[in-house]
Amino acid sequence: EHVDSVPSFNDAHGSGRVPMRMLDQAAGLADACGL
């Protein structure tokens, strides 16, 4: 819960590997929730 926002999470990483993986997981979560 300490993550403040999407931009702060994005900027905390030196490469896009983890942020892009989270984007893919969020897509799966949205689909599971029917959003």
Full PDB file with SEQRES, HELIX, SHEET, SSBOND, CRYST1, ORIGX, SCALE, CONECT and MASTER records, all heavy atoms in Angstrom:
SEQRES   1 A   35  GLU HIS VAL ASP SER VAL PRO SER PHE ASN ASP ALA HIS          
SEQRES   2 A   35  GLY SER GLY ARG VAL PRO MET ARG MET LEU ASP GLN ALA          
SEQRES   3 A   35  ALA GLY LEU ALA ASP ALA CYS GLY LEU                          
HELIX    1 AA1 VAL A    6  ASP A   11  1                                   6    
HELIX    2 AA2 ARG A   17  CYS A   33  1                                  17    
CRYST1    1.000    1.000    1.000  90.00  90.00  90.00 P 1           1          
ORIGX1      1.000000  0.000000  0.000000        0.00000                         
ORIGX2      0.000000  1.000000  0.000000        0.00000                         
ORIGX3      0.000000  0.000000  1.000000        0.00000                         
SCALE1      1.000000  0.000000  0.000000        0.00000                         
SCALE2      0.000000  1.000000  0.000000        0.00000                         
SCALE3      0.000000  0.000000  1.000000        0.00000                         
ATOM      1  N   GLU A   1       0.802  -1.220   0.000  1.00  0.00           N  
ATOM      2  CA  GLU A   1       0.000   0.000   0.000  1.00  0.00           C  
ATOM      3  C   GLU A   1       0.841   1.280   0.000  1.00  0.00           C  
ATOM      4  O   GLU A   1       0.305   2.368  -0.168  1.00  0.00           O  
ATOM      5  CB  GLU A   1      -0.935   0.015   1.218  1.00  0.00           C  
ATOM      6  CG  GLU A   1      -2.022  -1.039   1.155  1.00  0.00           C  
ATOM      7  CD  GLU A   1      -2.994  -0.807   0.009  1.00  0.00           C  
ATOM      8  OE1 GLU A   1      -3.357   0.355  -0.259  1.00  0.00           O  
ATOM      9  OE2 GLU A   1      -3.386  -1.805  -0.622  1.00  0.00           O  
ATOM     10  N   HIS A   2       2.139   1.169   0.194  1.00  0.00           N  
ATOM     11  CA  HIS A   2       2.988   2.367   0.245  1.00  0.00           C  
ATOM     12  C   HIS A   2       3.199   3.015  -1.124  1.00  0.00           C  
ATOM     13  O   HIS A   2       3.696   4.133  -1.197  1.00  0.00           O  
ATOM     14  CB  HIS A   2       4.341   2.029   0.878  1.00  0.00           C  
ATOM     15  CG  HIS A   2       5.173   1.130   0.005  1.00  0.00           C  
ATOM     16  ND1 HIS A   2       5.013  -0.232   0.012  1.00  0.00           N  
ATOM     17  CD2 HIS A   2       6.140   1.409  -0.885  1.00  0.00           C  
ATOM     18  CE1 HIS A   2       5.858  -0.760  -0.855  1.00  0.00           C  
ATOM     19  NE2 HIS A   2       6.554   0.201  -1.421  1.00  0.00           N  
ATOM     20  N   VAL A   3       2.819   2.350  -2.198  1.00  0.00           N  
ATOM     21  CA  VAL A   3       2.970   2.926  -3.541  1.00  0.00           C  
ATOM     22  C   VAL A   3       1.940   4.043  -3.685  1.00  0.00           C  
ATOM     23  O   VAL A   3       0.735   3.824  -3.568  1.00  0.00           O  
ATOM     24  CB  VAL A   3       2.778   1.859  -4.639  1.00  0.00           C  
ATOM     25  CG1 VAL A   3       2.889   2.481  -6.020  1.00  0.00           C  
ATOM     26  CG2 VAL A   3       3.795   0.744  -4.478  1.00  0.00           C  
ATOM     27  N   ASP A   4       2.419   5.267  -3.940  1.00  0.00           N  
ATOM     28  CA  ASP A   4       1.540   6.435  -3.985  1.00  0.00           C  
ATOM     29  C   ASP A   4       0.737   6.530  -5.267  1.00  0.00           C  
ATOM     30  O   ASP A   4      -0.453   6.814  -5.241  1.00  0.00           O  
ATOM     31  CB  ASP A   4       2.360   7.727  -3.827  1.00  0.00           C  
ATOM     32  CG  ASP A   4       3.015   7.810  -2.471  1.00  0.00           C  
ATOM     33  OD1 ASP A   4       2.457   7.268  -1.507  1.00  0.00           O  
ATOM     34  OD2 ASP A   4       4.096   8.421  -2.374  1.00  0.00           O  
ATOM     35  N   SER A   5       1.403   6.320  -6.401  1.00  0.00           N  
ATOM     36  CA  SER A   5       0.738   6.539  -7.681  1.00  0.00           C  
ATOM     37  C   SER A   5       1.421   5.716  -8.767  1.00  0.00           C  
ATOM     38  O   SER A   5       2.524   5.199  -8.577  1.00  0.00           O  
ATOM     39  CB  SER A   5       0.786   8.023  -8.050  1.00  0.00           C  
ATOM     40  OG  SER A   5       2.124   8.427  -8.254  1.00  0.00           O  
ATOM     41  N   VAL A   6       0.759   5.643  -9.914  1.00  0.00           N  
ATOM     42  CA  VAL A   6       1.329   4.933 -11.059  1.00  0.00           C  
ATOM     43  C   VAL A   6       2.610   5.624 -11.539  1.00  0.00           C  
ATOM     44  O   VAL A   6       3.620   4.956 -11.767  1.00  0.00           O  
ATOM     45  CB  VAL A   6       0.287   4.790 -12.192  1.00  0.00           C  
ATOM     46  CG1 VAL A   6       0.929   4.228 -13.450  1.00  0.00           C  
ATOM     47  CG2 VAL A   6      -0.863   3.898 -11.741  1.00  0.00           C  
ATOM     48  N   PRO A   7       2.631   6.978 -11.680  1.00  0.00           N  
ATOM     49  CA  PRO A   7       3.878   7.612 -12.121  1.00  0.00           C  
ATOM     50  C   PRO A   7       5.052   7.408 -11.152  1.00  0.00           C  
ATOM     51  O   PRO A   7       6.183   7.194 -11.587  1.00  0.00           O  
ATOM     52  CB  PRO A   7       3.510   9.091 -12.226  1.00  0.00           C  
ATOM     53  CG  PRO A   7       2.042   9.106 -12.457  1.00  0.00           C  
ATOM     54  CD  PRO A   7       1.516   7.937 -11.675  1.00  0.00           C  
ATOM     55  N   SER A   8       4.784   7.433  -9.836  1.00  0.00           N  
ATOM     56  CA  SER A   8       5.887   7.225  -8.889  1.00  0.00           C  
ATOM     57  C   SER A   8       6.405   5.791  -8.973  1.00  0.00           C  
ATOM     58  O   SER A   8       7.613   5.551  -8.862  1.00  0.00           O  
ATOM     59  CB  SER A   8       5.459   7.557  -7.461  1.00  0.00           C  
ATOM     60  OG  SER A   8       4.491   6.637  -6.998  1.00  0.00           O  
ATOM     61  N   PHE A   9       5.515   4.826  -9.191  1.00  0.00           N  
ATOM     62  CA  PHE A   9       5.940   3.440  -9.367  1.00  0.00           C  
ATOM     63  C   PHE A   9       6.765   3.306 -10.644  1.00  0.00           C  
ATOM     64  O   PHE A   9       7.810   2.666 -10.657  1.00  0.00           O  
ATOM     65  CB  PHE A   9       4.722   2.520  -9.434  1.00  0.00           C  
ATOM     66  CG  PHE A   9       5.066   1.095  -9.748  1.00  0.00           C  
ATOM     67  CD1 PHE A   9       5.558   0.251  -8.770  1.00  0.00           C  
ATOM     68  CD2 PHE A   9       4.904   0.582 -11.032  1.00  0.00           C  
ATOM     69  CE1 PHE A   9       5.887  -1.068  -9.060  1.00  0.00           C  
ATOM     70  CE2 PHE A   9       5.221  -0.728 -11.320  1.00  0.00           C  
ATOM     71  CZ  PHE A   9       5.715  -1.544 -10.333  1.00  0.00           C  
ATOM     72  N   ASN A  10       6.295   3.902 -11.726  1.00  0.00           N  
ATOM     73  CA  ASN A  10       6.998   3.847 -13.010  1.00  0.00           C  
ATOM     74  C   ASN A  10       8.406   4.429 -12.881  1.00  0.00           C  
ATOM     75  O   ASN A  10       9.381   3.835 -13.340  1.00  0.00           O  
ATOM     76  CB  ASN A  10       6.203   4.610 -14.068  1.00  0.00           C  
ATOM     77  CG  ASN A  10       6.841   4.527 -15.432  1.00  0.00           C  
ATOM     78  OD1 ASN A  10       6.680   3.555 -16.125  1.00  0.00           O  
ATOM     79  ND2 ASN A  10       7.565   5.570 -15.821  1.00  0.00           N  
ATOM     80  N   ASP A  11       8.501   5.603 -12.247  1.00  0.00           N  
ATOM     81  CA  ASP A  11       9.783   6.300 -12.164  1.00  0.00           C  
ATOM     82  C   ASP A  11      10.751   5.665 -11.169  1.00  0.00           C  
ATOM     83  O   ASP A  11      11.940   5.971 -11.171  1.00  0.00           O  
ATOM     84  CB  ASP A  11       9.566   7.772 -11.809  1.00  0.00           C  
ATOM     85  CG  ASP A  11       8.833   8.510 -12.917  1.00  0.00           C  
ATOM     86  OD1 ASP A  11       8.742   7.970 -14.031  1.00  0.00           O  
ATOM     87  OD2 ASP A  11       8.353   9.633 -12.656  1.00  0.00           O  
ATOM     88  N   ALA A  12      10.250   4.764 -10.324  1.00  0.00           N  
ATOM     89  CA  ALA A  12      11.113   4.106  -9.339  1.00  0.00           C  
ATOM     90  C   ALA A  12      11.923   2.968  -9.947  1.00  0.00           C  
ATOM     91  O   ALA A  12      12.771   2.396  -9.282  1.00  0.00           O  
ATOM     92  CB  ALA A  12      10.272   3.578  -8.181  1.00  0.00           C  
ATOM     93  N   HIS A  13      11.683   2.650 -11.207  1.00  0.00           N  
ATOM     94  CA  HIS A  13      12.364   1.523 -11.839  1.00  0.00           C  
ATOM     95  C   HIS A  13      13.345   2.005 -12.909  1.00  0.00           C  
ATOM     96  O   HIS A  13      13.097   2.973 -13.610  1.00  0.00           O  
ATOM     97  CB  HIS A  13      11.345   0.558 -12.458  1.00  0.00           C  
ATOM     98  CG  HIS A  13      10.562  -0.168 -11.418  1.00  0.00           C  
ATOM     99  ND1 HIS A  13       9.443   0.359 -10.830  1.00  0.00           N  
ATOM    100  CD2 HIS A  13      10.766  -1.364 -10.834  1.00  0.00           C  
ATOM    101  CE1 HIS A  13       8.980  -0.487  -9.939  1.00  0.00           C  
ATOM    102  NE2 HIS A  13       9.770  -1.543  -9.913  1.00  0.00           N  
ATOM    103  N   GLY A  14      14.459   1.293 -13.017  1.00  0.00           N  
ATOM    104  CA  GLY A  14      15.486   1.639 -13.988  1.00  0.00           C  
ATOM    105  C   GLY A  14      15.264   1.019 -15.352  1.00  0.00           C  
ATOM    106  O   GLY A  14      15.882   1.426 -16.329  1.00  0.00           O  
ATOM    107  N   SER A  15      14.403   0.019 -15.415  1.00  0.00           N  
ATOM    108  CA  SER A  15      14.069  -0.588 -16.700  1.00  0.00           C  
ATOM    109  C   SER A  15      12.566  -0.818 -16.725  1.00  0.00           C  
ATOM    110  O   SER A  15      11.900  -0.789 -15.695  1.00  0.00           O  
ATOM    111  CB  SER A  15      14.808  -1.915 -16.906  1.00  0.00           C  
ATOM    112  OG  SER A  15      14.216  -2.942 -16.137  1.00  0.00           O  
ATOM    113  N   GLY A  16      12.045  -1.081 -17.909  1.00  0.00           N  
ATOM    114  CA  GLY A  16      10.615  -1.244 -18.056  1.00  0.00           C  
ATOM    115  C   GLY A  16      10.103  -2.642 -17.804  1.00  0.00           C  
ATOM    116  O   GLY A  16       8.901  -2.885 -17.913  1.00  0.00           O  
ATOM    117  N   ARG A  17      10.968  -3.562 -17.441  1.00  0.00           N  
ATOM    118  CA  ARG A  17      10.564  -4.952 -17.273  1.00  0.00           C  
ATOM    119  C   ARG A  17       9.457  -5.107 -16.227  1.00  0.00           C  
ATOM    120  O   ARG A  17       8.407  -5.677 -16.497  1.00  0.00           O  
ATOM    121  CB  ARG A  17      11.778  -5.804 -16.907  1.00  0.00           C  
ATOM    122  CG  ARG A  17      11.501  -7.287 -16.939  1.00  0.00           C  
ATOM    123  CD  ARG A  17      12.697  -8.088 -16.523  1.00  0.00           C  
ATOM    124  NE  ARG A  17      12.869  -7.881 -15.087  1.00  0.00           N  
ATOM    125  CZ  ARG A  17      14.025  -7.732 -14.479  1.00  0.00           C  
ATOM    126  NH1 ARG A  17      15.124  -7.772 -15.160  1.00  0.00           N  
ATOM    127  NH2 ARG A  17      14.100  -7.555 -13.186  1.00  0.00           N  
ATOM    128  N   VAL A  18       9.672  -4.591 -15.022  1.00  0.00           N  
ATOM    129  CA  VAL A  18       8.682  -4.730 -13.945  1.00  0.00           C  
ATOM    130  C   VAL A  18       7.437  -3.892 -14.229  1.00  0.00           C  
ATOM    131  O   VAL A  18       6.314  -4.403 -14.100  1.00  0.00           O  
ATOM    132  CB  VAL A  18       9.304  -4.383 -12.577  1.00  0.00           C  
ATOM    133  CG1 VAL A  18       8.254  -4.355 -11.487  1.00  0.00           C  
ATOM    134  CG2 VAL A  18      10.407  -5.366 -12.232  1.00  0.00           C  
ATOM    135  N   PRO A  19       7.555  -2.611 -14.626  1.00  0.00           N  
ATOM    136  CA  PRO A  19       6.338  -1.859 -14.932  1.00  0.00           C  
ATOM    137  C   PRO A  19       5.496  -2.491 -16.037  1.00  0.00           C  
ATOM    138  O   PRO A  19       4.263  -2.542 -15.935  1.00  0.00           O  
ATOM    139  CB  PRO A  19       6.868  -0.485 -15.355  1.00  0.00           C  
ATOM    140  CG  PRO A  19       8.168  -0.352 -14.646  1.00  0.00           C  
ATOM    141  CD  PRO A  19       8.743  -1.739 -14.641  1.00  0.00           C  
ATOM    142  N   MET A  20       6.122  -3.010 -17.078  1.00  0.00           N  
ATOM    143  CA  MET A  20       5.343  -3.631 -18.157  1.00  0.00           C  
ATOM    144  C   MET A  20       4.694  -4.930 -17.697  1.00  0.00           C  
ATOM    145  O   MET A  20       3.577  -5.244 -18.102  1.00  0.00           O  
ATOM    146  CB  MET A  20       6.223  -3.863 -19.384  1.00  0.00           C  
ATOM    147  CG  MET A  20       6.506  -2.574 -20.134  1.00  0.00           C  
ATOM    148  SD  MET A  20       7.239  -2.822 -21.745  1.00  0.00           S  
ATOM    149  CE  MET A  20       8.847  -3.418 -21.347  1.00  0.00           C  
ATOM    150  N   ARG A  21       5.366  -5.682 -16.841  1.00  0.00           N  
ATOM    151  CA  ARG A  21       4.770  -6.902 -16.311  1.00  0.00           C  
ATOM    152  C   ARG A  21       3.539  -6.550 -15.465  1.00  0.00           C  
ATOM    153  O   ARG A  21       2.519  -7.230 -15.526  1.00  0.00           O  
ATOM    154  CB  ARG A  21       5.788  -7.676 -15.481  1.00  0.00           C  
ATOM    155  CG  ARG A  21       5.252  -8.992 -14.967  1.00  0.00           C  
ATOM    156  CD  ARG A  21       6.289  -9.800 -14.258  1.00  0.00           C  
ATOM    157  NE  ARG A  21       7.143  -8.928 -13.488  1.00  0.00           N  
ATOM    158  CZ  ARG A  21       8.364  -9.237 -13.076  1.00  0.00           C  
ATOM    159  NH1 ARG A  21       8.860 -10.391 -13.351  1.00  0.00           N  
ATOM    160  NH2 ARG A  21       9.077  -8.392 -12.382  1.00  0.00           N  
ATOM    161  N   MET A  22       3.616  -5.455 -14.694  1.00  0.00           N  
ATOM    162  CA  MET A  22       2.475  -5.037 -13.889  1.00  0.00           C  
ATOM    163  C   MET A  22       1.320  -4.579 -14.777  1.00  0.00           C  
ATOM    164  O   MET A  22       0.151  -4.804 -14.452  1.00  0.00           O  
ATOM    165  CB  MET A  22       2.870  -3.938 -12.907  1.00  0.00           C  
ATOM    166  CG  MET A  22       3.786  -4.412 -11.798  1.00  0.00           C  
ATOM    167  SD  MET A  22       3.221  -5.914 -10.956  1.00  0.00           S  
ATOM    168  CE  MET A  22       1.613  -5.437 -10.389  1.00  0.00           C  
ATOM    169  N   LEU A  23       1.619  -3.969 -15.903  1.00  0.00           N  
ATOM    170  CA  LEU A  23       0.575  -3.554 -16.840  1.00  0.00           C  
ATOM    171  C   LEU A  23      -0.141  -4.779 -17.406  1.00  0.00           C  
ATOM    172  O   LEU A  23      -1.378  -4.801 -17.511  1.00  0.00           O  
ATOM    173  CB  LEU A  23       1.193  -2.719 -17.961  1.00  0.00           C  
ATOM    174  CG  LEU A  23       0.268  -1.910 -18.843  1.00  0.00           C  
ATOM    175  CD1 LEU A  23      -0.558  -0.937 -18.040  1.00  0.00           C  
ATOM    176  CD2 LEU A  23       1.087  -1.155 -19.875  1.00  0.00           C  
ATOM    177  N   ASP A  24       0.609  -5.810 -17.716  1.00  0.00           N  
ATOM    178  CA  ASP A  24       0.025  -7.051 -18.217  1.00  0.00           C  
ATOM    179  C   ASP A  24      -0.827  -7.729 -17.146  1.00  0.00           C  
ATOM    180  O   ASP A  24      -1.935  -8.196 -17.426  1.00  0.00           O  
ATOM    181  CB  ASP A  24       1.136  -7.990 -18.692  1.00  0.00           C  
ATOM    182  CG  ASP A  24       0.606  -9.220 -19.389  1.00  0.00           C  
ATOM    183  OD1 ASP A  24      -0.303  -9.066 -20.231  1.00  0.00           O  
ATOM    184  OD2 ASP A  24       1.096 -10.311 -19.108  1.00  0.00           O  
ATOM    185  N   GLN A  25      -0.345  -7.731 -15.910  1.00  0.00           N  
ATOM    186  CA  GLN A  25      -1.115  -8.326 -14.818  1.00  0.00           C  
ATOM    187  C   GLN A  25      -2.369  -7.530 -14.524  1.00  0.00           C  
ATOM    188  O   GLN A  25      -3.413  -8.095 -14.188  1.00  0.00           O  
ATOM    189  CB  GLN A  25      -0.258  -8.452 -13.557  1.00  0.00           C  
ATOM    190  CG  GLN A  25       0.825  -9.493 -13.679  1.00  0.00           C  
ATOM    191  CD  GLN A  25       1.724  -9.549 -12.457  1.00  0.00           C  
ATOM    192  OE1 GLN A  25       1.480  -8.915 -11.443  1.00  0.00           O  
ATOM    193  NE2 GLN A  25       2.785 -10.331 -12.560  1.00  0.00           N  
ATOM    194  N   ALA A  26      -2.288  -6.203 -14.669  1.00  0.00           N  
ATOM    195  CA  ALA A  26      -3.469  -5.358 -14.457  1.00  0.00           C  
ATOM    196  C   ALA A  26      -4.522  -5.648 -15.514  1.00  0.00           C  
ATOM    197  O   ALA A  26      -5.728  -5.626 -15.217  1.00  0.00           O  
ATOM    198  CB  ALA A  26      -3.066  -3.883 -14.478  1.00  0.00           C  
ATOM    199  N   ALA A  27      -4.104  -5.931 -16.741  1.00  0.00           N  
ATOM    200  CA  ALA A  27      -5.061  -6.281 -17.792  1.00  0.00           C  
ATOM    201  C   ALA A  27      -5.795  -7.562 -17.422  1.00  0.00           C  
ATOM    202  O   ALA A  27      -7.022  -7.670 -17.582  1.00  0.00           O  
ATOM    203  CB  ALA A  27      -4.351  -6.428 -19.132  1.00  0.00           C  
ATOM    204  N   GLY A  28      -5.081  -8.553 -16.918  1.00  0.00           N  
ATOM    205  CA  GLY A  28      -5.707  -9.787 -16.479  1.00  0.00           C  
ATOM    206  C   GLY A  28      -6.645  -9.565 -15.308  1.00  0.00           C  
ATOM    207  O   GLY A  28      -7.736 -10.154 -15.237  1.00  0.00           O  
ATOM    208  N   LEU A  29      -6.257  -8.685 -14.374  1.00  0.00           N  
ATOM    209  CA  LEU A  29      -7.106  -8.357 -13.237  1.00  0.00           C  
ATOM    210  C   LEU A  29      -8.389  -7.653 -13.686  1.00  0.00           C  
ATOM    211  O   LEU A  29      -9.478  -7.987 -13.217  1.00  0.00           O  
ATOM    212  CB  LEU A  29      -6.335  -7.471 -12.242  1.00  0.00           C  
ATOM    213  CG  LEU A  29      -7.091  -6.985 -11.018  1.00  0.00           C  
ATOM    214  CD1 LEU A  29      -7.499  -8.165 -10.140  1.00  0.00           C  
ATOM    215  CD2 LEU A  29      -6.221  -6.007 -10.229  1.00  0.00           C  
ATOM    216  N   ALA A  30      -8.265  -6.726 -14.605  1.00  0.00           N  
ATOM    217  CA  ALA A  30      -9.441  -6.009 -15.117  1.00  0.00           C  
ATOM    218  C   ALA A  30     -10.388  -6.971 -15.826  1.00  0.00           C  
ATOM    219  O   ALA A  30     -11.604  -6.872 -15.667  1.00  0.00           O  
ATOM    220  CB  ALA A  30      -9.020  -4.880 -16.053  1.00  0.00           C  
ATOM    221  N   ASP A  31      -9.839  -7.898 -16.576  1.00  0.00           N  
ATOM    222  CA  ASP A  31     -10.675  -8.878 -17.251  1.00  0.00           C  
ATOM    223  C   ASP A  31     -11.391  -9.778 -16.244  1.00  0.00           C  
ATOM    224  O   ASP A  31     -12.574 -10.067 -16.401  1.00  0.00           O  
ATOM    225  CB  ASP A  31      -9.840  -9.716 -18.217  1.00  0.00           C  
ATOM    226  CG  ASP A  31     -10.686 -10.690 -19.007  1.00  0.00           C  
ATOM    227  OD1 ASP A  31     -11.668 -10.243 -19.639  1.00  0.00           O  
ATOM    228  OD2 ASP A  31     -10.380 -11.898 -18.974  1.00  0.00           O  
ATOM    229  N   ALA A  32     -10.667 -10.197 -15.199  1.00  0.00           N  
ATOM    230  CA  ALA A  32     -11.267 -11.049 -14.165  1.00  0.00           C  
ATOM    231  C   ALA A  32     -12.389 -10.308 -13.420  1.00  0.00           C  
ATOM    232  O   ALA A  32     -13.360 -10.941 -12.991  1.00  0.00           O  
ATOM    233  CB  ALA A  32     -10.207 -11.526 -13.195  1.00  0.00           C  
ATOM    234  N   CYS A  33     -12.252  -9.001 -13.281  1.00  0.00           N  
ATOM    235  CA  CYS A  33     -13.272  -8.204 -12.592  1.00  0.00           C  
ATOM    236  C   CYS A  33     -14.395  -7.774 -13.538  1.00  0.00           C  
ATOM    237  O   CYS A  33     -15.358  -7.133 -13.111  1.00  0.00           O  
ATOM    238  CB  CYS A  33     -12.638  -6.968 -11.968  1.00  0.00           C  
ATOM    239  SG  CYS A  33     -11.512  -7.348 -10.623  1.00  0.00           S  
ATOM    240  N   GLY A  34     -14.245  -8.048 -14.825  1.00  0.00           N  
ATOM    241  CA  GLY A  34     -15.262  -7.687 -15.787  1.00  0.00           C  
ATOM    242  C   GLY A  34     -15.261  -6.215 -16.142  1.00  0.00           C  
ATOM    243  O   GLY A  34     -16.275  -5.662 -16.566  1.00  0.00           O  
ATOM    244  N   LEU A  35     -14.118  -5.571 -15.999  1.00  0.00           N  
ATOM    245  CA  LEU A  35     -14.005  -4.144 -16.325  1.00  0.00           C  
ATOM    246  C   LEU A  35     -13.512  -3.915 -17.735  1.00  0.00           C  
ATOM    247  O   LEU A  35     -12.621  -4.486 -18.213  1.00  0.00           O  
ATOM    248  CB  LEU A  35     -13.050  -3.452 -15.340  1.00  0.00           C  
ATOM    249  CG  LEU A  35     -13.479  -3.499 -13.885  1.00  0.00           C  
ATOM    250  CD1 LEU A  35     -12.398  -2.912 -13.000  1.00  0.00           C  
ATOM    251  CD2 LEU A  35     -14.767  -2.705 -13.713  1.00  0.00           C  
TER     252      LEU A  35                                                      
MASTER        0    0    0    2    0    0    0    6  251    1    0    3          
END                                                                             
